[in-house]
All heavy atoms as atom14 arrays in JSON, in Angstrom:
{
  "sequence": "DLEVDPGEVVVVVGPSGSGKSTLCRTINRLEPIDDGVIRLEGRPLPDE",
  "atom14_mask": [
    [1, 1, 1, 1, 1, 1, 1, 1, 0, 0, 0, 0, 0, 0],
    [1, 1, 1, 1, 1, 1, 1, 1, 0, 0, 0, 0, 0, 0],
    [1, 1, 1, 1, 1, 1, 1, 1, 1, 0, 0, 0, 0, 0],
    [1, 1, 1, 1, 1, 1, 1, 0, 0, 0, 0, 0, 0, 0],
    [1, 1, 1, 1, 1, 1, 1, 1, 0, 0, 0, 0, 0, 0],
    [1, 1, 1, 1, 1, 1, 1, 0, 0, 0, 0, 0, 0, 0],
    [1, 1, 1, 1, 0, 0, 0, 0, 0, 0, 0, 0, 0, 0],
    [1, 1, 1, 1, 1, 1, 1, 1, 1, 0, 0, 0, 0, 0],
    [1, 1, 1, 1, 1, 1, 1, 0, 0, 0, 0, 0, 0, 0],
    [1, 1, 1, 1, 1, 1, 1, 0, 0, 0, 0, 0, 0, 0],
    [1, 1, 1, 1, 1, 1, 1, 0, 0, 0, 0, 0, 0, 0],
    [1, 1, 1, 1, 1, 1, 1, 0, 0, 0, 0, 0, 0, 0],
    [1, 1, 1, 1, 1, 1, 1, 0, 0, 0, 0, 0, 0, 0],
    [1, 1, 1, 1, 0, 0, 0, 0, 0, 0, 0, 0, 0, 0],
    [1, 1, 1, 1, 1, 1, 1, 0, 0, 0, 0, 0, 0, 0],
    [1, 1, 1, 1, 1, 1, 0, 0, 0, 0, 0, 0, 0, 0],
    [1, 1, 1, 1, 0, 0, 0, 0, 0, 0, 0, 0, 0, 0],
    [1, 1, 1, 1, 1, 1, 0, 0, 0, 0, 0, 0, 0, 0],
    [1, 1, 1, 1, 0, 0, 0, 0, 0, 0, 0, 0, 0, 0],
    [1, 1, 1, 1, 1, 1, 1, 1, 1, 0, 0, 0, 0, 0],
    [1, 1, 1, 1, 1, 1, 0, 0, 0, 0, 0, 0, 0, 0],
    [1, 1, 1, 1, 1, 1, 1, 0, 0, 0, 0, 0, 0, 0],
    [1, 1, 1, 1, 1, 1, 1, 1, 0, 0, 0, 0, 0, 0],
    [1, 1, 1, 1, 1, 1, 0, 0, 0, 0, 0, 0, 0, 0],
    [1, 1, 1, 1, 1, 1, 1, 1, 1, 1, 1, 0, 0, 0],
    [1, 1, 1, 1, 1, 1, 1, 0, 0, 0, 0, 0, 0, 0],
    [1, 1, 1, 1, 1, 1, 1, 1, 0, 0, 0, 0, 0, 0],
    [1, 1, 1, 1, 1, 1, 1, 1, 0, 0, 0, 0, 0, 0],
    [1, 1, 1, 1, 1, 1, 1, 1, 1, 1, 1, 0, 0, 0],
    [1, 1, 1, 1, 1, 1, 1, 1, 0, 0, 0, 0, 0, 0],
    [1, 1, 1, 1, 1, 1, 1, 1, 1, 0, 0, 0, 0, 0],
    [1, 1, 1, 1, 1, 1, 1, 0, 0, 0, 0, 0, 0, 0],
    [1, 1, 1, 1, 1, 1, 1, 1, 0, 0, 0, 0, 0, 0],
    [1, 1, 1, 1, 1, 1, 1, 1, 0, 0, 0, 0, 0, 0],
    [1, 1, 1, 1, 1, 1, 1, 1, 0, 0, 0, 0, 0, 0],
    [1, 1, 1, 1, 0, 0, 0, 0, 0, 0, 0, 0, 0, 0],
    [1, 1, 1, 1, 1, 1, 1, 0, 0, 0, 0, 0, 0, 0],
    [1, 1, 1, 1, 1, 1, 1, 1, 0, 0, 0, 0, 0, 0],
    [1, 1, 1, 1, 1, 1, 1, 1, 1, 1, 1, 0, 0, 0],
    [1, 1, 1, 1, 1, 1, 1, 1, 0, 0, 0, 0, 0, 0],
    [1, 1, 1, 1, 1, 1, 1, 1, 1, 0, 0, 0, 0, 0],
    [1, 1, 1, 1, 0, 0, 0, 0, 0, 0, 0, 0, 0, 0],
    [1, 1, 1, 1, 1, 1, 1, 1, 1, 1, 1, 0, 0, 0],
    [1, 1, 1, 1, 1, 1, 1, 0, 0, 0, 0, 0, 0, 0],
    [1, 1, 1, 1, 1, 1, 1, 1, 0, 0, 0, 0, 0, 0],
    [1, 1, 1, 1, 1, 1, 1, 0, 0, 0, 0, 0, 0, 0],
    [1, 1, 1, 1, 1, 1, 1, 1, 0, 0, 0, 0, 0, 0],
    [1, 1, 1, 1, 1, 1, 1, 1, 1, 0, 0, 0, 0, 0]
  ],
  "atom14_positions": [
    [[87.79, -108.36, -54.8], [86.69, -107.41, -54.71], [85.39, -108.31, -54.87], [85.33, -108.86, -56.0], [86.75, -106.3, -55.77], [87.77, -105.27, -55.38], [88.09, -105.02, -54.29], [88.45, -104.78, -56.4], [0.0, 0.0, 0.0], [0.0, 0.0, 0.0], [0.0, 0.0, 0.0], [0.0, 0.0, 0.0], [0.0, 0.0, 0.0], [0.0, 0.0, 0.0]],
    [[84.47, -108.14, -54.03], [83.19, -108.82, -54.3], [82.07, -108.19, -53.53], [82.24, -107.71, -52.37], [83.32, -110.27, -53.8], [82.06, -111.15, -53.87], [81.68, -111.45, -55.34], [82.23, -112.58, -53.19], [0.0, 0.0, 0.0], [0.0, 0.0, 0.0], [0.0, 0.0, 0.0], [0.0, 0.0, 0.0], [0.0, 0.0, 0.0], [0.0, 0.0, 0.0]],
    [[80.93, -108.03, -54.2], [79.79, -107.46, -53.37], [78.64, -108.47, -53.65], [78.5, -109.06, -54.7], [79.3, -106.09, -54.04], [80.32, -104.97, -53.76], [79.73, -103.56, -54.04], [78.67, -103.53, -54.68], [80.4, -102.6, -53.63], [0.0, 0.0, 0.0], [0.0, 0.0, 0.0], [0.0, 0.0, 0.0], [0.0, 0.0, 0.0], [0.0, 0.0, 0.0]],
    [[77.9, -108.66, -52.5], [76.67, -109.54, -52.65], [75.49, -108.77, -52.09], [75.49, -108.2, -51.01], [76.9, -110.82, -51.72], [75.61, -111.72, -51.88], [78.16, -111.61, -52.27], [0.0, 0.0, 0.0], [0.0, 0.0, 0.0], [0.0, 0.0, 0.0], [0.0, 0.0, 0.0], [0.0, 0.0, 0.0], [0.0, 0.0, 0.0], [0.0, 0.0, 0.0]],
    [[74.5, -108.76, -52.89], [73.23, -107.94, -52.49], [72.31, -108.9, -51.76], [72.29, -110.14, -51.85], [72.48, -107.58, -53.8], [73.19, -106.4, -54.46], [73.92, -105.6, -53.78], [73.14, -106.27, -55.7], [0.0, 0.0, 0.0], [0.0, 0.0, 0.0], [0.0, 0.0, 0.0], [0.0, 0.0, 0.0], [0.0, 0.0, 0.0], [0.0, 0.0, 0.0]],
    [[71.44, -108.26, -50.86], [70.43, -109.05, -50.17], [69.61, -109.87, -51.08], [69.1, -109.39, -52.1], [69.6, -107.99, -49.43], [70.42, -106.85, -49.37], [71.33, -106.85, -50.64], [0.0, 0.0, 0.0], [0.0, 0.0, 0.0], [0.0, 0.0, 0.0], [0.0, 0.0, 0.0], [0.0, 0.0, 0.0], [0.0, 0.0, 0.0], [0.0, 0.0, 0.0]],
    [[69.45, -111.14, -50.75], [68.62, -112.06, -51.59], [69.39, -112.69, -52.77], [68.76, -113.41, -53.48], [0.0, 0.0, 0.0], [0.0, 0.0, 0.0], [0.0, 0.0, 0.0], [0.0, 0.0, 0.0], [0.0, 0.0, 0.0], [0.0, 0.0, 0.0], [0.0, 0.0, 0.0], [0.0, 0.0, 0.0], [0.0, 0.0, 0.0], [0.0, 0.0, 0.0]],
    [[70.61, -112.34, -52.98], [71.33, -112.79, -54.05], [71.97, -114.16, -53.82], [72.37, -114.45, -52.59], [72.47, -111.82, -54.43], [73.08, -112.03, -55.85], [74.15, -111.03, -56.27], [74.61, -110.4, -55.42], [74.47, -110.99, -57.45], [0.0, 0.0, 0.0], [0.0, 0.0, 0.0], [0.0, 0.0, 0.0], [0.0, 0.0, 0.0], [0.0, 0.0, 0.0]],
    [[72.08, -114.98, -54.79], [72.75, -116.27, -54.64], [73.95, -116.3, -55.56], [73.89, -116.13, -56.82], [71.82, -117.54, -55.12], [72.63, -118.79, -55.0], [70.59, -117.54, -54.28], [0.0, 0.0, 0.0], [0.0, 0.0, 0.0], [0.0, 0.0, 0.0], [0.0, 0.0, 0.0], [0.0, 0.0, 0.0], [0.0, 0.0, 0.0], [0.0, 0.0, 0.0]],
    [[75.18, -116.37, -54.95], [76.48, -116.31, -55.71], [77.06, -117.62, -55.59], [77.3, -118.08, -54.48], [77.3, -115.18, -55.16], [78.73, -115.21, -55.89], [76.7, -113.76, -55.31], [0.0, 0.0, 0.0], [0.0, 0.0, 0.0], [0.0, 0.0, 0.0], [0.0, 0.0, 0.0], [0.0, 0.0, 0.0], [0.0, 0.0, 0.0], [0.0, 0.0, 0.0]],
    [[77.37, -118.25, -56.71], [78.02, -119.51, -56.75], [79.44, -119.35, -57.15], [79.73, -118.73, -58.2], [77.29, -120.55, -57.63], [78.09, -121.89, -57.73], [75.9, -120.89, -57.08], [0.0, 0.0, 0.0], [0.0, 0.0, 0.0], [0.0, 0.0, 0.0], [0.0, 0.0, 0.0], [0.0, 0.0, 0.0], [0.0, 0.0, 0.0], [0.0, 0.0, 0.0]],
    [[80.39, -119.82, -56.33], [81.83, -119.5, -56.58], [82.4, -120.87, -57.07], [82.29, -121.9, -56.48], [82.63, -119.15, -55.29], [84.07, -118.82, -55.64], [81.91, -117.92, -54.67], [0.0, 0.0, 0.0], [0.0, 0.0, 0.0], [0.0, 0.0, 0.0], [0.0, 0.0, 0.0], [0.0, 0.0, 0.0], [0.0, 0.0, 0.0], [0.0, 0.0, 0.0]],
    [[82.95, -120.78, -58.34], [83.56, -122.0, -58.92], [85.07, -121.74, -59.28], [85.49, -120.57, -59.28], [82.79, -122.42, -60.25], [81.34, -122.62, -59.93], [82.92, -121.36, -61.35], [0.0, 0.0, 0.0], [0.0, 0.0, 0.0], [0.0, 0.0, 0.0], [0.0, 0.0, 0.0], [0.0, 0.0, 0.0], [0.0, 0.0, 0.0], [0.0, 0.0, 0.0]],
    [[85.75, -122.79, -59.54], [87.08, -122.6, -59.87], [87.92, -124.0, -59.51], [87.42, -124.78, -58.76], [0.0, 0.0, 0.0], [0.0, 0.0, 0.0], [0.0, 0.0, 0.0], [0.0, 0.0, 0.0], [0.0, 0.0, 0.0], [0.0, 0.0, 0.0], [0.0, 0.0, 0.0], [0.0, 0.0, 0.0], [0.0, 0.0, 0.0], [0.0, 0.0, 0.0]],
    [[89.12, -124.11, -60.01], [89.96, -125.35, -59.71], [90.26, -125.39, -58.24], [90.18, -124.37, -57.52], [91.16, -125.15, -60.59], [91.24, -123.67, -60.91], [89.83, -123.16, -60.91], [0.0, 0.0, 0.0], [0.0, 0.0, 0.0], [0.0, 0.0, 0.0], [0.0, 0.0, 0.0], [0.0, 0.0, 0.0], [0.0, 0.0, 0.0], [0.0, 0.0, 0.0]],
    [[90.62, -126.62, -57.77], [91.13, -126.7, -56.4], [92.29, -125.85, -56.19], [93.06, -125.67, -57.0], [91.51, -128.16, -56.07], [90.33, -129.02, -56.18], [0.0, 0.0, 0.0], [0.0, 0.0, 0.0], [0.0, 0.0, 0.0], [0.0, 0.0, 0.0], [0.0, 0.0, 0.0], [0.0, 0.0, 0.0], [0.0, 0.0, 0.0], [0.0, 0.0, 0.0]],
    [[92.28, -125.28, -54.96], [93.43, -124.38, -54.57], [93.38, -122.95, -55.09], [94.33, -122.23, -55.05], [0.0, 0.0, 0.0], [0.0, 0.0, 0.0], [0.0, 0.0, 0.0], [0.0, 0.0, 0.0], [0.0, 0.0, 0.0], [0.0, 0.0, 0.0], [0.0, 0.0, 0.0], [0.0, 0.0, 0.0], [0.0, 0.0, 0.0], [0.0, 0.0, 0.0]],
    [[92.11, -122.61, -55.65], [92.11, -121.31, -56.24], [91.7, -120.23, -55.17], [91.69, -119.06, -55.47], [91.0, -121.32, -57.43], [89.78, -121.7, -56.92], [0.0, 0.0, 0.0], [0.0, 0.0, 0.0], [0.0, 0.0, 0.0], [0.0, 0.0, 0.0], [0.0, 0.0, 0.0], [0.0, 0.0, 0.0], [0.0, 0.0, 0.0], [0.0, 0.0, 0.0]],
    [[91.42, -120.64, -53.97], [91.13, -119.72, -52.88], [89.61, -119.59, -52.51], [89.3, -118.74, -51.65], [0.0, 0.0, 0.0], [0.0, 0.0, 0.0], [0.0, 0.0, 0.0], [0.0, 0.0, 0.0], [0.0, 0.0, 0.0], [0.0, 0.0, 0.0], [0.0, 0.0, 0.0], [0.0, 0.0, 0.0], [0.0, 0.0, 0.0], [0.0, 0.0, 0.0]],
    [[88.87, -120.51, -53.06], [87.38, -120.38, -52.81], [87.08, -120.61, -51.34], [86.25, -119.8, -50.82], [86.65, -121.52, -53.67], [86.96, -121.5, -55.06], [86.1, -122.5, -55.84], [86.29, -123.89, -55.54], [87.61, -124.47, -55.91], [0.0, 0.0, 0.0], [0.0, 0.0, 0.0], [0.0, 0.0, 0.0], [0.0, 0.0, 0.0], [0.0, 0.0, 0.0]],
    [[87.55, -121.66, -50.69], [87.27, -121.91, -49.32], [87.84, -120.77, -48.42], [87.16, -120.46, -47.43], [87.82, -123.22, -48.78], [87.1, -124.35, -49.47], [0.0, 0.0, 0.0], [0.0, 0.0, 0.0], [0.0, 0.0, 0.0], [0.0, 0.0, 0.0], [0.0, 0.0, 0.0], [0.0, 0.0, 0.0], [0.0, 0.0, 0.0], [0.0, 0.0, 0.0]],
    [[88.99, -120.32, -48.71], [89.56, -119.24, -47.94], [88.73, -118.02, -48.05], [88.58, -117.34, -47.01], [91.03, -119.01, -48.37], [91.8, -120.17, -48.36], [91.74, -117.86, -47.48], [0.0, 0.0, 0.0], [0.0, 0.0, 0.0], [0.0, 0.0, 0.0], [0.0, 0.0, 0.0], [0.0, 0.0, 0.0], [0.0, 0.0, 0.0], [0.0, 0.0, 0.0]],
    [[88.26, -117.74, -49.19], [87.26, -116.57, -49.31], [86.16, -116.74, -48.33], [85.89, -115.75, -47.64], [86.73, -116.54, -50.79], [85.71, -115.53, -51.12], [86.31, -114.3, -51.64], [84.61, -116.03, -52.02], [0.0, 0.0, 0.0], [0.0, 0.0, 0.0], [0.0, 0.0, 0.0], [0.0, 0.0, 0.0], [0.0, 0.0, 0.0], [0.0, 0.0, 0.0]],
    [[85.48, -117.84, -48.29], [84.38, -118.03, -47.31], [84.88, -117.91, -45.88], [84.13, -117.3, -45.06], [83.87, -119.44, -47.47], [82.35, -119.54, -48.49], [0.0, 0.0, 0.0], [0.0, 0.0, 0.0], [0.0, 0.0, 0.0], [0.0, 0.0, 0.0], [0.0, 0.0, 0.0], [0.0, 0.0, 0.0], [0.0, 0.0, 0.0], [0.0, 0.0, 0.0]],
    [[86.02, -118.45, -45.62], [86.46, -118.47, -44.2], [86.89, -116.95, -43.61], [86.84, -116.77, -42.53], [87.59, -119.37, -44.05], [87.17, -120.93, -44.21], [88.35, -121.82, -44.25], [88.89, -121.95, -42.89], [88.49, -122.81, -41.98], [87.47, -123.58, -42.14], [89.1, -122.82, -40.75], [0.0, 0.0, 0.0], [0.0, 0.0, 0.0], [0.0, 0.0, 0.0]],
    [[87.2, -116.1, -44.7], [87.46, -114.74, -44.26], [86.15, -114.01, -43.96], [86.2, -113.09, -43.1], [88.22, -114.01, -45.28], [87.53, -113.91, -46.41], [89.62, -114.67, -45.54], [0.0, 0.0, 0.0], [0.0, 0.0, 0.0], [0.0, 0.0, 0.0], [0.0, 0.0, 0.0], [0.0, 0.0, 0.0], [0.0, 0.0, 0.0], [0.0, 0.0, 0.0]],
    [[85.11, -114.44, -44.55], [83.89, -113.64, -44.42], [83.28, -113.84, -42.98], [82.68, -112.96, -42.44], [82.77, -113.97, -45.52], [83.38, -113.55, -46.91], [81.47, -113.42, -45.2], [82.59, -114.09, -48.07], [0.0, 0.0, 0.0], [0.0, 0.0, 0.0], [0.0, 0.0, 0.0], [0.0, 0.0, 0.0], [0.0, 0.0, 0.0], [0.0, 0.0, 0.0]],
    [[83.49, -115.01, -42.4], [83.09, -115.13, -40.99], [84.28, -115.15, -40.05], [84.1, -115.48, -38.91], [82.07, -116.28, -40.76], [82.82, -117.62, -40.98], [83.93, -117.64, -41.25], [82.06, -118.62, -40.6], [0.0, 0.0, 0.0], [0.0, 0.0, 0.0], [0.0, 0.0, 0.0], [0.0, 0.0, 0.0], [0.0, 0.0, 0.0], [0.0, 0.0, 0.0]],
    [[85.31, -114.61, -40.56], [86.57, -114.4, -39.74], [87.2, -115.68, -39.11], [87.74, -115.69, -38.07], [86.36, -113.41, -38.69], [86.3, -111.97, -39.22], [86.72, -110.95, -38.25], [88.15, -111.14, -37.84], [89.1, -110.38, -38.28], [88.99, -109.54, -39.18], [90.33, -110.57, -37.83], [0.0, 0.0, 0.0], [0.0, 0.0, 0.0], [0.0, 0.0, 0.0]],
    [[86.85, -116.84, -39.77], [87.57, -118.08, -39.37], [89.07, -117.89, -39.76], [89.94, -118.52, -39.17], [87.05, -119.31, -39.98], [85.61, -119.76, -39.45], [85.05, -120.93, -40.33], [85.79, -120.29, -38.01], [0.0, 0.0, 0.0], [0.0, 0.0, 0.0], [0.0, 0.0, 0.0], [0.0, 0.0, 0.0], [0.0, 0.0, 0.0], [0.0, 0.0, 0.0]],
    [[89.29, -117.11, -40.8], [90.63, -116.66, -41.17], [90.72, -115.11, -41.22], [89.9, -114.58, -41.88], [90.9, -117.17, -42.61], [90.99, -118.68, -42.82], [92.28, -119.25, -42.16], [93.15, -118.57, -41.69], [92.32, -120.56, -42.14], [0.0, 0.0, 0.0], [0.0, 0.0, 0.0], [0.0, 0.0, 0.0], [0.0, 0.0, 0.0], [0.0, 0.0, 0.0]],
    [[91.69, -114.58, -40.45], [91.93, -113.12, -40.51], [92.48, -112.77, -41.87], [93.15, -113.54, -42.47], [92.86, -112.84, -39.41], [93.56, -114.13, -39.19], [92.62, -115.19, -39.63], [0.0, 0.0, 0.0], [0.0, 0.0, 0.0], [0.0, 0.0, 0.0], [0.0, 0.0, 0.0], [0.0, 0.0, 0.0], [0.0, 0.0, 0.0], [0.0, 0.0, 0.0]],
    [[92.26, -111.54, -42.42], [92.88, -111.09, -43.65], [94.12, -110.3, -43.34], [94.26, -109.71, -42.25], [91.81, -110.34, -44.48], [91.29, -109.06, -43.76], [90.71, -111.23, -44.93], [90.35, -108.19, -44.56], [0.0, 0.0, 0.0], [0.0, 0.0, 0.0], [0.0, 0.0, 0.0], [0.0, 0.0, 0.0], [0.0, 0.0, 0.0], [0.0, 0.0, 0.0]],
    [[94.99, -110.2, -44.32], [96.19, -109.34, -44.13], [95.96, -107.86, -44.49], [96.44, -107.02, -43.77], [97.29, -109.89, -45.1], [97.61, -111.34, -44.75], [97.53, -111.69, -43.64], [98.04, -112.13, -45.6], [0.0, 0.0, 0.0], [0.0, 0.0, 0.0], [0.0, 0.0, 0.0], [0.0, 0.0, 0.0], [0.0, 0.0, 0.0], [0.0, 0.0, 0.0]],
    [[95.16, -107.64, -45.54], [94.71, -106.26, -45.73], [93.51, -106.27, -46.66], [93.05, -107.31, -47.18], [95.9, -105.34, -46.32], [96.52, -105.91, -47.55], [95.74, -106.22, -48.51], [97.72, -106.02, -47.59], [0.0, 0.0, 0.0], [0.0, 0.0, 0.0], [0.0, 0.0, 0.0], [0.0, 0.0, 0.0], [0.0, 0.0, 0.0], [0.0, 0.0, 0.0]],
    [[92.95, -104.94, -46.76], [91.68, -104.87, -47.5], [90.6, -104.69, -46.38], [90.94, -104.69, -45.16], [0.0, 0.0, 0.0], [0.0, 0.0, 0.0], [0.0, 0.0, 0.0], [0.0, 0.0, 0.0], [0.0, 0.0, 0.0], [0.0, 0.0, 0.0], [0.0, 0.0, 0.0], [0.0, 0.0, 0.0], [0.0, 0.0, 0.0], [0.0, 0.0, 0.0]],
    [[89.39, -104.67, -46.82], [88.28, -104.53, -45.87], [87.04, -105.41, -46.25], [86.88, -105.63, -47.43], [87.9, -102.98, -45.74], [87.3, -102.51, -47.01], [86.77, -102.89, -44.62], [0.0, 0.0, 0.0], [0.0, 0.0, 0.0], [0.0, 0.0, 0.0], [0.0, 0.0, 0.0], [0.0, 0.0, 0.0], [0.0, 0.0, 0.0], [0.0, 0.0, 0.0]],
    [[86.42, -105.97, -45.27], [85.26, -106.84, -45.54], [84.14, -106.2, -44.69], [84.38, -105.95, -43.42], [85.38, -108.23, -45.12], [86.59, -108.94, -45.83], [84.05, -109.09, -45.44], [86.8, -110.37, -45.44], [0.0, 0.0, 0.0], [0.0, 0.0, 0.0], [0.0, 0.0, 0.0], [0.0, 0.0, 0.0], [0.0, 0.0, 0.0], [0.0, 0.0, 0.0]],
    [[83.02, -105.83, -45.32], [81.93, -105.14, -44.57], [80.6, -106.02, -44.66], [80.35, -106.52, -45.79], [81.54, -103.82, -45.16], [82.69, -102.77, -44.92], [82.24, -101.39, -45.39], [83.38, -100.45, -45.4], [84.03, -100.21, -46.56], [83.7, -100.86, -47.63], [85.07, -99.31, -46.52], [0.0, 0.0, 0.0], [0.0, 0.0, 0.0], [0.0, 0.0, 0.0]],
    [[79.99, -106.14, -43.52], [78.55, -106.66, -43.53], [77.62, -105.64, -43.15], [77.83, -104.97, -42.12], [78.59, -107.96, -42.57], [77.36, -108.82, -42.64], [77.3, -109.6, -43.95], [77.31, -109.71, -41.39], [0.0, 0.0, 0.0], [0.0, 0.0, 0.0], [0.0, 0.0, 0.0], [0.0, 0.0, 0.0], [0.0, 0.0, 0.0], [0.0, 0.0, 0.0]],
    [[76.68, -105.46, -43.97], [75.64, -104.41, -43.88], [76.4, -103.03, -43.57], [75.98, -102.26, -42.76], [74.7, -104.63, -42.59], [73.88, -105.89, -42.93], [72.8, -106.13, -41.83], [73.16, -105.99, -40.56], [71.57, -106.37, -42.19], [0.0, 0.0, 0.0], [0.0, 0.0, 0.0], [0.0, 0.0, 0.0], [0.0, 0.0, 0.0], [0.0, 0.0, 0.0]],
    [[77.45, -102.83, -44.3], [78.16, -101.46, -44.31], [79.13, -101.38, -43.14], [79.93, -100.4, -43.11], [0.0, 0.0, 0.0], [0.0, 0.0, 0.0], [0.0, 0.0, 0.0], [0.0, 0.0, 0.0], [0.0, 0.0, 0.0], [0.0, 0.0, 0.0], [0.0, 0.0, 0.0], [0.0, 0.0, 0.0], [0.0, 0.0, 0.0], [0.0, 0.0, 0.0]],
    [[79.1, -102.36, -42.22], [80.1, -102.26, -41.08], [81.32, -103.22, -41.3], [81.06, -104.37, -41.63], [79.4, -102.53, -39.76], [78.39, -101.47, -39.43], [77.84, -101.73, -37.99], [77.06, -102.92, -37.92], [75.78, -103.05, -38.27], [75.13, -101.95, -38.67], [75.13, -104.11, -38.17], [0.0, 0.0, 0.0], [0.0, 0.0, 0.0], [0.0, 0.0, 0.0]],
    [[82.57, -102.79, -41.01], [83.61, -103.65, -41.12], [83.51, -104.85, -40.1], [82.95, -104.64, -39.01], [84.93, -102.82, -40.75], [84.42, -101.38, -40.95], [82.92, -101.41, -40.69], [0.0, 0.0, 0.0], [0.0, 0.0, 0.0], [0.0, 0.0, 0.0], [0.0, 0.0, 0.0], [0.0, 0.0, 0.0], [0.0, 0.0, 0.0], [0.0, 0.0, 0.0]],
    [[84.08, -105.95, -40.51], [83.94, -107.2, -39.59], [84.6, -106.85, -38.33], [85.82, -106.36, -38.37], [84.54, -108.39, -40.26], [83.85, -108.87, -41.58], [84.44, -110.28, -41.83], [82.34, -108.89, -41.48], [0.0, 0.0, 0.0], [0.0, 0.0, 0.0], [0.0, 0.0, 0.0], [0.0, 0.0, 0.0], [0.0, 0.0, 0.0], [0.0, 0.0, 0.0]],
    [[84.14, -107.32, -37.17], [84.78, -107.03, -35.92], [85.93, -108.06, -35.79], [85.92, -109.11, -36.37], [83.69, -107.38, -34.86], [82.77, -108.3, -35.53], [82.79, -107.87, -37.01], [0.0, 0.0, 0.0], [0.0, 0.0, 0.0], [0.0, 0.0, 0.0], [0.0, 0.0, 0.0], [0.0, 0.0, 0.0], [0.0, 0.0, 0.0], [0.0, 0.0, 0.0]],
    [[86.9, -107.72, -34.92], [88.09, -108.52, -34.67], [87.87, -109.62, -33.68], [88.42, -110.72, -33.82], [89.29, -107.66, -34.24], [89.74, -106.89, -35.35], [89.62, -107.39, -36.58], [90.33, -105.74, -35.25], [0.0, 0.0, 0.0], [0.0, 0.0, 0.0], [0.0, 0.0, 0.0], [0.0, 0.0, 0.0], [0.0, 0.0, 0.0], [0.0, 0.0, 0.0]],
    [[87.24, -109.38, -32.64], [87.13, -110.33, -31.48], [85.98, -110.05, -30.56], [85.16, -109.1, -30.78], [88.35, -110.3, -30.72], [88.7, -108.97, -30.15], [90.18, -108.71, -29.9], [91.05, -109.55, -30.24], [90.45, -107.8, -29.25], [0.0, 0.0, 0.0], [0.0, 0.0, 0.0], [0.0, 0.0, 0.0], [0.0, 0.0, 0.0], [0.0, 0.0, 0.0]]
  ]
}
């Protein structure tokens, strides 16, 4: 679960292999997610 407000700077830290890069890659759908929902400006991410 993560929310980011307009104008906010969120720095994600953690050990290697903790899922940080995958998190980013799901936000622009370079990686599809298995379940849950990601919304940008209130709208779910499009599939294709």
